[in-house]
C-alpha atoms as a PDB file:
ATOM      1  CA  ILE A   1     -38.751 122.785 -33.796  1.00  0.00           C
ATOM      2  CA  PRO A   2     -39.461 123.868 -37.352  1.00  0.00           C
ATOM      3  CA  MET A   3     -38.224 127.293 -38.387  1.00  0.00           C
ATOM      4  CA  LEU A   4     -37.718 129.429 -41.473  1.00  0.00           C
ATOM      5  CA  GLY A   5     -34.225 129.302 -42.991  1.00  0.00           C
ATOM      6  CA  ASP A   6     -33.023 132.709 -41.823  1.00  0.00           C
ATOM      7  CA  SER A   7     -34.059 132.163 -38.199  1.00  0.00           C
ATOM      8  CA  ALA A   8     -31.574 132.481 -35.371  1.00  0.00           C
ATOM      9  CA  VAL A   9     -32.252 130.617 -32.125  1.00  0.00           C
ATOM     10  CA  MET A  10     -32.011 132.992 -29.160  1.00  0.00           C
ATOM     11  CA  THR A  11     -33.068 130.593 -26.392  1.00  0.00           C
ATOM     12  CA  ASP A  12     -33.880 126.880 -26.224  1.00  0.00           C
ATOM     13  CA  ILE A  13     -35.232 125.646 -22.893  1.00  0.00           C
ATOM     14  CA  TYR A  14     -36.136 122.019 -22.227  1.00  0.00           C
ATOM     15  CA  ASP A  15     -37.909 120.764 -19.129  1.00  0.00           C
ATOM     16  CA  GLU A  16     -39.010 117.326 -18.086  1.00  0.00           C
ATOM     17  CA  MET A  17     -41.181 116.378 -15.136  1.00  0.00           C
ATOM     18  CA  PRO A  18     -43.154 113.222 -14.399  1.00  0.00           C
ATOM     19  CA  GLY A  19     -45.744 112.814 -17.145  1.00  0.00           C
ATOM     20  CA  LYS A  20     -44.793 115.924 -19.107  1.00  0.00           C
ATOM     21  CA  LYS A  21     -41.992 117.159 -21.343  1.00  0.00           C
ATOM     22  CA  SER A  22     -41.782 120.713 -22.628  1.00  0.00           C
ATOM     23  CA  ARG A  23     -39.546 122.778 -24.841  1.00  0.00           C
ATOM     24  CA  THR A  24     -39.657 126.514 -25.431  1.00  0.00           C
ATOM     25  CA  VAL A  25     -37.643 128.059 -28.239  1.00  0.00           C
ATOM     26  CA  MET A  26     -37.366 131.755 -29.034  1.00  0.00           C
ATOM     27  CA  LEU A  27     -36.093 132.671 -32.465  1.00  0.00           C
ATOM     28  CA  VAL A  28     -35.691 135.803 -34.502  1.00  0.00           C
ATOM     29  CA  ASN A  29     -35.877 136.251 -38.259  1.00  0.00           C
ATOM     30  CA  THR A  30     -36.337 138.978 -40.839  1.00  0.00           C
ATOM     31  CA  ARG A  31     -39.589 137.589 -42.243  1.00  0.00           C
ATOM     32  CA  SER A  32     -42.916 139.294 -41.701  1.00  0.00           C
ATOM     33  CA  ILE A  33     -45.524 138.128 -39.217  1.00  0.00           C
ATOM     34  CA  VAL A  34     -47.631 136.908 -42.160  1.00  0.00           C
ATOM     35  CA  GLN A  35     -44.749 134.885 -43.660  1.00  0.00           C
ATOM     36  CA  ASN A  36     -44.060 133.257 -40.293  1.00  0.00           C
ATOM     37  CA  MET A  37     -47.756 132.576 -39.733  1.00  0.00           C
ATOM     38  CA  GLN A  38     -48.104 130.966 -43.166  1.00  0.00           C
ATOM     39  CA  PHE A  39     -45.018 128.810 -42.576  1.00  0.00           C
ATOM     40  CA  TYR A  40     -46.241 127.446 -39.241  1.00  0.00           C
ATOM     41  CA  ARG A  41     -49.836 126.974 -40.379  1.00  0.00           C
ATOM     42  CA  SER A  42     -48.633 125.031 -43.408  1.00  0.00           C
ATOM     43  CA  HIS A  43     -46.156 122.964 -41.392  1.00  0.00           C
ATOM     44  CA  TYR A  44     -48.610 121.782 -38.752  1.00  0.00           C
ATOM     45  CA  GLU A  45     -51.816 121.577 -40.792  1.00  0.00           C
ATOM     46  CA  LYS A  46     -50.165 119.482 -43.543  1.00  0.00           C
ATOM     47  CA  ARG A  47     -49.182 117.000 -40.831  1.00  0.00           C
ATOM     48  CA  GLY A  48     -52.746 116.702 -39.534  1.00  0.00           C
ATOM     49  CA  TRP A  49     -52.446 118.833 -36.406  1.00  0.00           C
ATOM     50  CA  LYS A  50     -55.716 120.439 -35.227  1.00  0.00           C
ATOM     51  CA  SER A  51     -55.775 124.216 -34.936  1.00  0.00           C
ATOM     52  CA  PHE A  52     -57.358 125.799 -31.860  1.00  0.00           C
ATOM     53  CA  LEU A  53     -56.797 129.501 -32.505  1.00  0.00           C
ATOM     54  CA  PHE A  54     -57.808 131.374 -35.584  1.00  0.00           C
ATOM     55  CA  PRO A  55     -55.302 133.929 -36.843  1.00  0.00           C
ATOM     56  CA  VAL A  56     -55.991 137.537 -35.994  1.00  0.00           C
ATOM     57  CA  ASN A  57     -55.117 140.583 -38.038  1.00  0.00           C
ATOM     58  CA  PRO A  58     -51.293 140.620 -38.227  1.00  0.00           C
ATOM     59  CA  ASP A  59     -51.417 144.411 -38.519  1.00  0.00           C
ATOM     60  CA  GLN A  60     -51.952 144.332 -34.745  1.00  0.00           C
ATOM     61  CA  GLY A  61     -48.241 143.549 -34.429  1.00  0.00           C
ATOM     62  CA  SER A  62     -48.614 140.005 -33.131  1.00  0.00           C
ATOM     63  CA  GLN A  63     -50.045 136.600 -33.925  1.00  0.00           C
ATOM     64  CA  ALA A  64     -50.853 133.499 -31.885  1.00  0.00           C
ATOM     65  CA  LEU A  65     -51.315 129.954 -33.160  1.00  0.00           C
ATOM     66  CA  SER A  66     -52.184 126.791 -31.243  1.00  0.00           C
ATOM     67  CA  TYR A  67     -52.106 123.177 -32.443  1.00  0.00           C
ATOM     68  CA  GLN A  68     -52.780 119.763 -30.968  1.00  0.00           C
ATOM     69  CA  ASN A  69     -51.927 116.276 -32.189  1.00  0.00           C
ATOM     70  CA  GLY A  70     -52.721 113.473 -29.759  1.00  0.00           C
ATOM     71  CA  ASP A  71     -50.784 114.067 -26.556  1.00  0.00           C
ATOM     72  CA  GLU A  72     -48.746 116.938 -28.018  1.00  0.00           C
ATOM     73  CA  ASP A  73     -49.585 120.642 -27.921  1.00  0.00           C
ATOM     74  CA  VAL A  74     -47.773 123.470 -29.691  1.00  0.00           C
ATOM     75  CA  ASN A  75     -48.373 127.165 -29.023  1.00  0.00           C
ATOM     76  CA  ILE A  76     -46.702 129.793 -31.180  1.00  0.00           C
ATOM     77  CA  THR A  77     -46.554 133.547 -30.729  1.00  0.00           C
ATOM     78  CA  ILE A  78     -45.122 135.852 -33.354  1.00  0.00           C
ATOM     79  CA  THR A  79     -44.424 139.496 -32.646  1.00  0.00           C
ATOM     80  CA  GLU A  80     -42.724 142.258 -34.566  1.00  0.00           C
ATOM     81  CA  GLN A  81     -39.953 144.122 -32.779  1.00  0.00           C
ATOM     82  CA  LEU A  82     -37.552 146.627 -34.325  1.00  0.00           C
ATOM     83  CA  GLY A  83     -38.133 145.358 -37.871  1.00  0.00           C
ATOM     84  CA  ALA A  84     -37.667 141.679 -37.019  1.00  0.00           C
ATOM     85  CA  SER A  85     -40.064 138.907 -36.086  1.00  0.00           C
ATOM     86  CA  VAL A  86     -39.677 137.218 -32.724  1.00  0.00           C
ATOM     87  CA  VAL A  87     -41.168 133.731 -32.687  1.00  0.00           C
ATOM     88  CA  VAL A  88     -41.740 131.784 -29.471  1.00  0.00           C
ATOM     89  CA  VAL A  89     -42.646 128.116 -29.907  1.00  0.00           C
ATOM     90  CA  ASN A  90     -43.745 126.103 -26.891  1.00  0.00           C
ATOM     91  CA  GLU A  91     -44.117 122.324 -27.293  1.00  0.00           C
ATOM     92  CA  VAL A  92     -45.643 120.192 -24.559  1.00  0.00           C
ATOM     93  CA  LYS A  93     -45.975 116.415 -24.620  1.00  0.00           C
ATOM     94  CA  THR A  94     -48.050 114.748 -21.918  1.00  0.00           C
ATOM     95  CA  ASP A  95     -47.394 111.079 -21.190  1.00  0.00           C
ATOM     96  CA  PHE A  96     -50.640 110.079 -19.457  1.00  0.00           C
END
């Protein structure tokens, strides 16, 4: 899972079932919602992933991004809590 340099992983959950593998990682960093959003947009879009959600106004206190590349989906939520950003990245790979 890509992450900004000052990120700390809080949880990392992996699950595998027939035909599907998933991983959910929650991390915290001191970057703003906008900095996190720009990092993830750049990371996935430069690698040819298709975006399915358009960013909303980060002043709302949260952000959601969604990308797909073949049989892989990534959903990212970024929220601000107590002066830090909490980033939850969920990756799902379907083997059908």
